[in-house]
Amino acid sequence: MAANAQWVWFALGSAFFAALTSLLGKLGVTELNSNMATFVRSIVIVGVTACVISLRNEWQRPPQASWSSWAFIVLSAVATGLSWLCYYRALQLGPLSSVAPVDKLSVALSILLGAVVLGEQLNWAVCVGGGLIVAGSLVIVKYG
């Protein structure tokens, strides 16, 4: 695989760990409030990330970046937190087999936002794949 295609391995790792997140989260919110579960999850993520940065000796001063770059990172963190709060509540209320696939509508929404906001070009494969994700989510919501 070409060096520029290494992202695929990281994306597959992300999918695998997201699947584990769903399963373990569903098991975890059976006896915990979903908001408390999200809080604990956030603290653990900070610790794990700090360990990875330490092991890889990647601690550094934040680079000189524009205020807009920092604002986008902060807004991304807010969006992540809100997503997690909604996700854990959905897991508490619904079956994993329905919640996780509907959550993956974020893929189709990301495709759309990439095209509209970032001007990314869509091709037939991206459009068909995104459409199938939407179709699958709709089938699961209606008949699942």
Protein backbone atom coordinates (compact mmCIF):
# COMPACT_ATOMS: atom_id res chain seq x y z
CA MET A 1 0.00 0.00 0.00
CA ALA A 2 1.34 3.42 -0.91
CA ALA A 3 2.38 5.74 1.91
CA ASN A 4 -0.43 8.13 1.06
CA ALA A 5 -2.94 5.30 1.55
CA GLN A 6 -1.98 4.65 5.18
CA TRP A 7 -5.08 6.57 6.16
CA VAL A 8 -7.10 3.48 5.23
CA TRP A 9 -5.52 1.47 8.05
CA PHE A 10 -6.21 4.23 10.56
CA ALA A 11 -9.78 4.55 9.28
CA LEU A 12 -10.28 0.78 9.69
CA GLY A 13 -8.84 1.03 13.21
CA SER A 14 -11.27 3.84 13.91
CA ALA A 15 -14.19 1.73 12.69
CA PHE A 16 -13.08 -1.24 14.79
CA PHE A 17 -12.69 0.83 17.95
CA ALA A 18 -15.96 2.66 17.25
CA ALA A 19 -17.70 -0.73 17.12
CA LEU A 20 -16.11 -1.66 20.45
CA THR A 21 -17.17 1.75 21.79
CA SER A 22 -20.76 0.99 20.88
CA LEU A 23 -20.78 -2.44 22.46
CA LEU A 24 -18.93 -1.46 25.63
CA GLY A 25 -20.93 1.76 25.93
CA LYS A 26 -24.21 -0.12 25.68
CA LEU A 27 -23.05 -2.47 28.42
CA GLY A 28 -21.83 0.47 30.52
CA VAL A 29 -24.97 2.59 30.46
CA THR A 30 -27.15 -0.20 31.85
CA GLU A 31 -26.34 0.92 35.40
CA LEU A 32 -24.96 4.45 34.88
CA ASN A 33 -26.60 7.69 33.89
CA SER A 34 -25.69 8.35 30.24
CA ASN A 35 -24.33 11.84 31.01
CA MET A 36 -22.13 10.49 33.81
CA ALA A 37 -20.92 7.74 31.49
CA THR A 38 -19.95 10.38 28.92
CA PHE A 39 -18.08 12.35 31.60
CA VAL A 40 -16.09 9.28 32.68
CA ARG A 41 -15.39 8.39 29.06
CA SER A 42 -14.05 11.90 28.42
CA ILE A 43 -11.68 11.75 31.39
CA VAL A 44 -10.36 8.35 30.29
CA ILE A 45 -9.83 9.63 26.74
CA VAL A 46 -7.74 12.54 28.07
CA GLY A 47 -5.62 10.08 30.05
CA VAL A 48 -5.14 7.66 27.16
CA THR A 49 -4.26 10.49 24.78
CA ALA A 50 -1.76 11.92 27.27
CA CYS A 51 -0.14 8.48 27.55
CA VAL A 52 0.15 8.13 23.77
CA ILE A 53 1.66 11.62 23.47
CA SER A 54 4.12 10.77 26.26
CA LEU A 55 5.11 7.39 24.81
CA ARG A 56 5.69 8.96 21.41
CA ASN A 57 7.47 11.96 22.92
CA GLU A 58 5.13 14.33 21.10
CA TRP A 59 4.56 16.97 23.77
CA GLN A 60 5.13 20.35 22.23
CA ARG A 61 4.10 23.95 22.50
CA PRO A 62 1.06 24.72 20.44
CA PRO A 63 2.20 26.22 17.15
CA GLN A 64 1.44 29.77 16.22
CA ALA A 65 -1.97 29.33 14.68
CA SER A 66 -4.68 31.75 13.75
CA TRP A 67 -7.55 32.36 16.13
CA SER A 68 -9.86 30.68 13.60
CA SER A 69 -7.87 27.42 13.76
CA TRP A 70 -8.19 27.40 17.54
CA ALA A 71 -11.88 28.31 17.32
CA PHE A 72 -12.54 25.41 14.94
CA ILE A 73 -10.75 22.95 17.24
CA VAL A 74 -12.76 24.18 20.23
CA LEU A 75 -16.02 24.02 18.25
CA SER A 76 -15.08 20.51 17.09
CA ALA A 77 -14.62 19.50 20.73
CA VAL A 78 -18.02 20.94 21.63
CA ALA A 79 -19.61 19.04 18.73
CA THR A 80 -17.86 15.85 19.86
CA GLY A 81 -19.12 16.24 23.40
CA LEU A 82 -22.67 16.87 22.26
CA SER A 83 -22.46 13.89 19.90
CA TRP A 84 -21.28 11.64 22.74
CA LEU A 85 -24.01 12.85 25.08
CA CYS A 86 -26.65 12.11 22.45
CA TYR A 87 -25.06 8.78 21.54
CA TYR A 88 -24.90 7.44 25.09
CA ARG A 89 -28.46 8.52 25.76
CA ALA A 90 -29.58 6.80 22.56
CA LEU A 91 -27.71 3.64 23.65
CA GLN A 92 -29.46 3.81 27.01
CA LEU A 93 -32.86 4.05 25.35
CA GLY A 94 -32.50 1.90 22.24
CA PRO A 95 -30.93 -1.29 20.94
CA LEU A 96 -27.27 -1.20 19.89
CA SER A 97 -28.21 -2.80 16.57
CA SER A 98 -30.30 0.26 15.71
CA VAL A 99 -28.46 3.09 17.46
CA ALA A 100 -25.01 2.42 15.99
CA PRO A 101 -26.11 2.28 12.33
CA VAL A 102 -28.24 5.42 12.67
CA ASP A 103 -25.27 7.16 14.30
CA LYS A 104 -23.30 6.33 11.16
CA LEU A 105 -25.50 8.74 9.25
CA SER A 106 -22.66 11.04 10.27
CA VAL A 107 -20.75 9.52 7.34
CA ALA A 108 -23.36 10.68 4.83
CA LEU A 109 -23.63 14.06 6.55
CA SER A 110 -19.83 14.42 6.47
CA ILE A 111 -19.83 13.71 2.74
CA LEU A 112 -22.47 16.38 2.23
CA LEU A 113 -20.68 18.93 4.45
CA GLY A 114 -17.37 18.20 2.73
CA ALA A 115 -18.93 19.02 -0.62
CA VAL A 116 -20.93 22.07 0.49
CA VAL A 117 -18.52 23.69 2.96
CA LEU A 118 -15.10 22.51 1.74
CA GLY A 119 -15.87 22.20 -1.96
CA GLU A 120 -14.76 18.57 -2.09
CA GLN A 121 -15.63 16.86 -5.33
CA LEU A 122 -18.16 14.04 -5.25
CA ASN A 123 -17.87 11.04 -7.52
CA TRP A 124 -20.30 8.24 -8.24
CA ALA A 125 -18.75 5.89 -5.66
CA VAL A 126 -19.00 8.43 -2.83
CA CYS A 127 -22.58 9.34 -3.80
CA VAL A 128 -23.72 5.72 -4.07
CA GLY A 129 -21.96 4.72 -0.85
CA GLY A 130 -23.40 7.68 1.04
CA GLY A 131 -26.84 6.93 -0.37
CA LEU A 132 -26.60 3.31 0.74
CA ILE A 133 -25.71 4.42 4.27
CA VAL A 134 -28.79 6.66 4.34
CA ALA A 135 -30.96 3.90 2.86
CA GLY A 136 -29.66 1.37 5.38
CA SER A 137 -30.33 3.70 8.29
CA LEU A 138 -33.85 4.34 7.07
CA VAL A 139 -34.54 0.61 6.76
CA ILE A 140 -33.22 0.01 10.29
CA VAL A 141 -35.30 2.83 11.77
CA LYS A 142 -38.47 1.75 9.97
CA TYR A 143 -38.20 -2.04 10.24
CA GLY A 144 -35.43 -2.76 12.77
